[in-house]
Amino acid sequence: MPAFKVTESKFSIPSDHLHIKISGNFIAQILNFLKDFFMNTIRHKIEDEVQKAINSAVPPILNKQAKDTKGEIEIFNNLMLDWSTPQAPQFTAKDVELSSKGLFFKKGQPEHEPAVPKPNMILHDDAAKSKFQAFISDYLADSLAESFLKVQVVDLWLLSKDVHGFNMTTTGLDPFLPGIEAKYGPNEPVDLEFKLNALENFNVVHDDGTMGFDSTVSVRFMV
């Protein structure tokens, strides 16, 4: 589990962004005249208090949030993500780099690792011009696809009444499915259900930005 700690922070209020106006009797007018002398004292006091809050209050809040997840987050409808940070985030004057390992699985079922090997991921591509860069491995994509299909049915229906130019009936399909007309009778409408059963073997080609994968689809004929 990751842990958050503020090692260094800086908070400042520009002097021209803080304004104080004192209104009232003669004493208030004198104080209003002298406000510029103690303006910096007030500004520095506010900066010190905010600085203390950042250093002391923020890490416990973030650490509690991380601890409460126990390294697992429910992303969607029993789709869980087992995650961890293998190393501390890298902060430089040029960029911020953060890496995380993850494996998707169905809630209440054991985790199953994809057949693809775990890759060594880069954190930054110097050749790319993008200011914001994110990289996802084939391993994670395989894990997501397999687990998603366990929690969500993905199917598509093709109704006979929506098909034009082809006779989607037992009579029209009998040359391709011999015996369907004899079993169910002539000219009975036939609907098709396409169900996505598997998505796997994701392969992303970095050089041309293409992605390929294998899929398994079942077709059911409904009379």
Protein backbone atom coordinates (compact mmCIF):
# COMPACT_ATOMS: atom_id res chain seq x y z
CA MET A 1 0.00 0.00 0.00
CA PRO A 2 1.25 3.50 -0.76
CA ALA A 3 1.87 6.07 1.96
CA PHE A 4 1.82 9.81 1.53
CA LYS A 5 4.17 12.22 3.25
CA VAL A 6 4.78 15.89 2.54
CA THR A 7 8.55 16.35 2.52
CA GLU A 8 8.52 19.90 1.22
CA SER A 9 5.84 22.42 0.30
CA LYS A 10 5.62 26.12 -0.30
CA PHE A 11 2.58 28.37 -0.09
CA SER A 12 2.67 32.11 -0.59
CA ILE A 13 0.18 34.94 -1.01
CA PRO A 14 1.31 37.71 -3.40
CA SER A 15 1.35 41.01 -1.56
CA ASP A 16 -0.90 42.62 -4.16
CA HIS A 17 -3.55 39.89 -3.65
CA LEU A 18 -4.31 40.73 0.02
CA HIS A 19 -6.36 43.81 0.79
CA ILE A 20 -7.60 45.07 4.16
CA LYS A 21 -9.81 48.09 4.67
CA ILE A 22 -10.77 49.35 8.13
CA SER A 23 -13.77 51.67 8.39
CA GLY A 24 -15.27 53.42 11.37
CA ASN A 25 -14.38 56.17 13.82
CA PHE A 26 -11.18 58.17 14.23
CA ILE A 27 -9.29 55.22 15.75
CA ALA A 28 -10.29 53.01 12.82
CA GLN A 29 -9.03 55.64 10.42
CA ILE A 30 -5.66 55.70 12.17
CA LEU A 31 -5.47 51.88 12.00
CA ASN A 32 -6.44 51.99 8.33
CA PHE A 33 -3.57 54.44 7.75
CA LEU A 34 -1.15 52.08 9.53
CA LYS A 35 -2.39 48.88 7.88
CA ASP A 36 0.49 48.76 5.38
CA PHE A 37 2.93 48.45 8.28
CA PHE A 38 1.42 45.20 9.57
CA MET A 39 0.08 43.85 6.24
CA ASN A 40 3.14 41.61 5.80
CA THR A 41 2.73 40.25 9.35
CA ILE A 42 -0.85 39.21 8.57
CA ARG A 43 0.10 37.75 5.20
CA HIS A 44 2.95 35.69 6.67
CA LYS A 45 0.71 34.44 9.48
CA ILE A 46 -1.86 33.18 6.96
CA GLU A 47 0.90 31.55 4.92
CA ASP A 48 2.30 29.82 8.02
CA GLU A 49 -1.10 28.42 9.03
CA VAL A 50 -1.86 27.12 5.54
CA GLN A 51 1.63 25.63 5.35
CA LYS A 52 1.05 23.78 8.63
CA ALA A 53 -2.27 22.45 7.35
CA ILE A 54 -0.68 21.15 4.15
CA ASN A 55 2.15 19.42 6.00
CA SER A 56 0.13 17.93 8.86
CA ALA A 57 -3.46 17.47 7.65
CA VAL A 58 -3.16 16.35 4.03
CA PRO A 59 -1.01 13.16 4.48
CA PRO A 60 -3.32 11.54 7.11
CA ILE A 61 -6.36 12.15 4.89
CA LEU A 62 -4.68 10.59 1.85
CA ASN A 63 -3.25 7.70 3.86
CA LYS A 64 -6.66 6.90 5.36
CA GLN A 65 -8.26 6.91 1.93
CA ALA A 66 -5.58 4.53 0.62
CA LYS A 67 -5.79 2.27 3.69
CA ASP A 68 -9.59 2.03 3.51
CA THR A 69 -9.41 0.61 -0.02
CA LYS A 70 -7.18 -2.28 1.21
CA GLY A 71 -5.58 -2.18 -2.23
CA GLU A 72 -8.86 -2.99 -3.98
CA ILE A 73 -11.36 -0.66 -5.64
CA GLU A 74 -14.76 -1.51 -7.10
CA ILE A 75 -14.74 0.19 -10.49
CA PHE A 76 -18.14 -0.86 -11.80
CA ASN A 77 -20.86 -3.39 -10.93
CA ASN A 78 -18.66 -5.96 -9.10
CA LEU A 79 -15.67 -5.21 -11.33
CA MET A 80 -12.74 -4.92 -8.93
CA LEU A 81 -9.24 -3.55 -9.38
CA ASP A 82 -6.37 -4.89 -7.27
CA TRP A 83 -3.78 -2.11 -7.36
CA SER A 84 -0.48 -1.14 -5.81
CA THR A 85 2.29 1.38 -6.37
CA PRO A 86 5.64 -0.36 -6.87
CA GLN A 87 7.62 2.81 -6.24
CA ALA A 88 7.20 6.34 -4.97
CA PRO A 89 6.10 9.01 -7.47
CA GLN A 90 8.97 10.85 -9.09
CA PHE A 91 8.82 14.66 -8.91
CA THR A 92 11.24 16.77 -10.90
CA ALA A 93 11.31 20.35 -12.12
CA LYS A 94 10.30 19.00 -15.54
CA ASP A 95 7.59 16.45 -14.83
CA VAL A 96 5.74 14.18 -12.40
CA GLU A 97 5.89 10.40 -12.95
CA LEU A 98 3.58 7.90 -11.24
CA SER A 99 3.40 4.16 -11.84
CA SER A 100 0.86 1.62 -10.62
CA LYS A 101 0.36 -2.12 -10.99
CA GLY A 102 -3.17 -3.41 -11.42
CA LEU A 103 -5.21 -6.55 -12.03
CA PHE A 104 -8.96 -6.59 -12.66
CA PHE A 105 -11.17 -9.37 -11.31
CA LYS A 106 -14.81 -10.11 -10.50
CA LYS A 107 -15.83 -9.41 -6.93
CA GLY A 108 -16.06 -12.56 -4.84
CA GLN A 109 -14.00 -14.64 -7.26
CA PRO A 110 -10.29 -15.44 -7.19
CA GLU A 111 -7.97 -13.29 -9.26
CA HIS A 112 -6.84 -14.72 -12.58
CA GLU A 113 -3.72 -13.48 -14.29
CA PRO A 114 -3.78 -13.07 -18.09
CA ALA A 115 -1.70 -15.34 -20.29
CA VAL A 116 0.33 -12.39 -21.59
CA PRO A 117 3.57 -11.63 -19.71
CA LYS A 118 3.92 -8.64 -17.41
CA PRO A 119 5.78 -5.96 -19.37
CA ASN A 120 8.36 -3.44 -18.21
CA MET A 121 6.48 -0.18 -18.67
CA ILE A 122 8.00 3.22 -19.40
CA LEU A 123 6.90 6.29 -17.48
CA HIS A 124 7.71 8.89 -20.10
CA ASP A 125 8.32 8.90 -23.85
CA ASP A 126 10.81 11.64 -24.64
CA ALA A 127 10.06 11.34 -28.36
CA ALA A 128 6.37 12.18 -27.86
CA LYS A 129 5.27 15.83 -27.77
CA SER A 130 2.33 15.24 -25.45
CA LYS A 131 2.50 17.06 -22.13
CA PHE A 132 0.28 14.45 -20.47
CA GLN A 133 1.22 10.83 -21.10
CA ALA A 134 -0.43 7.64 -19.86
CA PHE A 135 0.58 4.08 -20.72
CA ILE A 136 -1.54 0.93 -20.33
CA SER A 137 -0.10 -2.54 -20.79
CA ASP A 138 -1.50 -5.48 -22.78
CA TYR A 139 -1.55 -7.31 -19.43
CA LEU A 140 -3.96 -4.78 -17.92
CA ALA A 141 -6.13 -4.64 -21.06
CA ASP A 142 -6.48 -8.44 -21.11
CA SER A 143 -7.34 -8.44 -17.42
CA LEU A 144 -9.96 -5.71 -17.89
CA ALA A 145 -11.62 -7.36 -20.89
CA GLU A 146 -11.82 -10.80 -19.26
CA SER A 147 -13.18 -9.48 -15.97
CA PHE A 148 -15.61 -7.05 -17.59
CA LEU A 149 -17.28 -9.84 -19.55
CA LYS A 150 -17.78 -11.72 -16.29
CA VAL A 151 -19.83 -8.88 -14.79
CA GLN A 152 -21.48 -7.46 -17.90
CA VAL A 153 -23.17 -9.32 -20.77
CA VAL A 154 -22.33 -7.80 -24.14
CA ASP A 155 -24.76 -8.93 -26.81
CA LEU A 156 -26.42 -7.57 -29.96
CA TRP A 157 -29.72 -8.60 -31.47
CA LEU A 158 -30.50 -8.61 -35.19
CA LEU A 159 -34.25 -8.88 -35.67
CA SER A 160 -35.66 -10.42 -38.83
CA LYS A 161 -38.02 -7.46 -39.33
CA ASP A 162 -35.03 -5.12 -39.54
CA VAL A 163 -33.29 -7.10 -42.31
CA HIS A 164 -33.99 -5.99 -45.86
CA GLY A 165 -32.89 -7.74 -49.03
CA PHE A 166 -32.58 -11.15 -47.42
CA ASN A 167 -35.26 -13.57 -46.29
CA MET A 168 -34.55 -13.97 -42.55
CA THR A 169 -36.99 -16.84 -42.09
CA THR A 170 -36.74 -20.57 -41.66
CA THR A 171 -37.34 -20.90 -45.42
CA GLY A 172 -34.66 -18.36 -46.36
CA LEU A 173 -32.07 -19.86 -43.99
CA ASP A 174 -32.80 -23.52 -44.77
CA PRO A 175 -30.11 -23.73 -47.53
CA PHE A 176 -27.52 -22.63 -44.93
CA LEU A 177 -29.05 -24.50 -41.97
CA PRO A 178 -30.56 -27.65 -43.49
CA GLY A 179 -33.54 -28.95 -41.55
CA ILE A 180 -34.53 -25.69 -39.83
CA GLU A 181 -37.61 -25.32 -42.05
CA ALA A 182 -38.70 -28.91 -41.49
CA LYS A 183 -38.33 -28.56 -37.72
CA TYR A 184 -39.96 -25.18 -37.16
CA GLY A 185 -42.18 -24.82 -40.24
CA PRO A 186 -41.93 -22.60 -43.33
CA ASN A 187 -41.50 -18.81 -43.32
CA GLU A 188 -41.08 -18.47 -39.57
CA PRO A 189 -39.06 -15.31 -38.69
CA VAL A 190 -35.58 -15.93 -37.28
CA ASP A 191 -33.81 -13.45 -34.99
CA LEU A 192 -30.06 -13.55 -34.31
CA GLU A 193 -28.30 -12.91 -31.03
CA PHE A 194 -24.57 -12.12 -31.14
CA LYS A 195 -22.83 -12.51 -27.77
CA LEU A 196 -19.28 -11.43 -27.04
CA ASN A 197 -17.69 -14.23 -25.01
CA ALA A 198 -14.04 -13.23 -24.87
CA LEU A 199 -11.59 -10.45 -25.66
CA GLU A 200 -7.95 -11.39 -25.23
CA ASN A 201 -4.40 -11.24 -26.56
CA PHE A 202 -4.32 -7.47 -26.82
CA ASN A 203 -1.38 -6.22 -28.83
CA VAL A 204 -0.55 -2.53 -29.10
CA VAL A 205 2.00 -1.42 -31.67
CA HIS A 206 3.69 1.71 -30.38
CA ASP A 207 5.23 2.83 -33.67
CA ASP A 208 1.98 3.23 -35.61
CA GLY A 209 -0.49 3.54 -32.73
CA THR A 210 -2.55 0.48 -33.70
CA MET A 211 -4.11 -2.13 -31.44
CA GLY A 212 -5.20 -5.68 -32.18
CA PHE A 213 -6.93 -8.39 -30.15
CA ASP A 214 -8.67 -11.75 -30.48
CA SER A 215 -12.38 -12.07 -29.81
CA THR A 216 -14.82 -14.95 -29.48
CA VAL A 217 -18.42 -14.34 -30.52
CA SER A 218 -21.28 -16.84 -30.35
CA VAL A 219 -24.39 -16.60 -32.57
CA ARG A 220 -27.78 -17.93 -31.53
CA PHE A 221 -30.69 -18.36 -33.94
CA MET A 222 -34.04 -17.70 -32.32
CA VAL A 223 -37.22 -18.89 -34.06
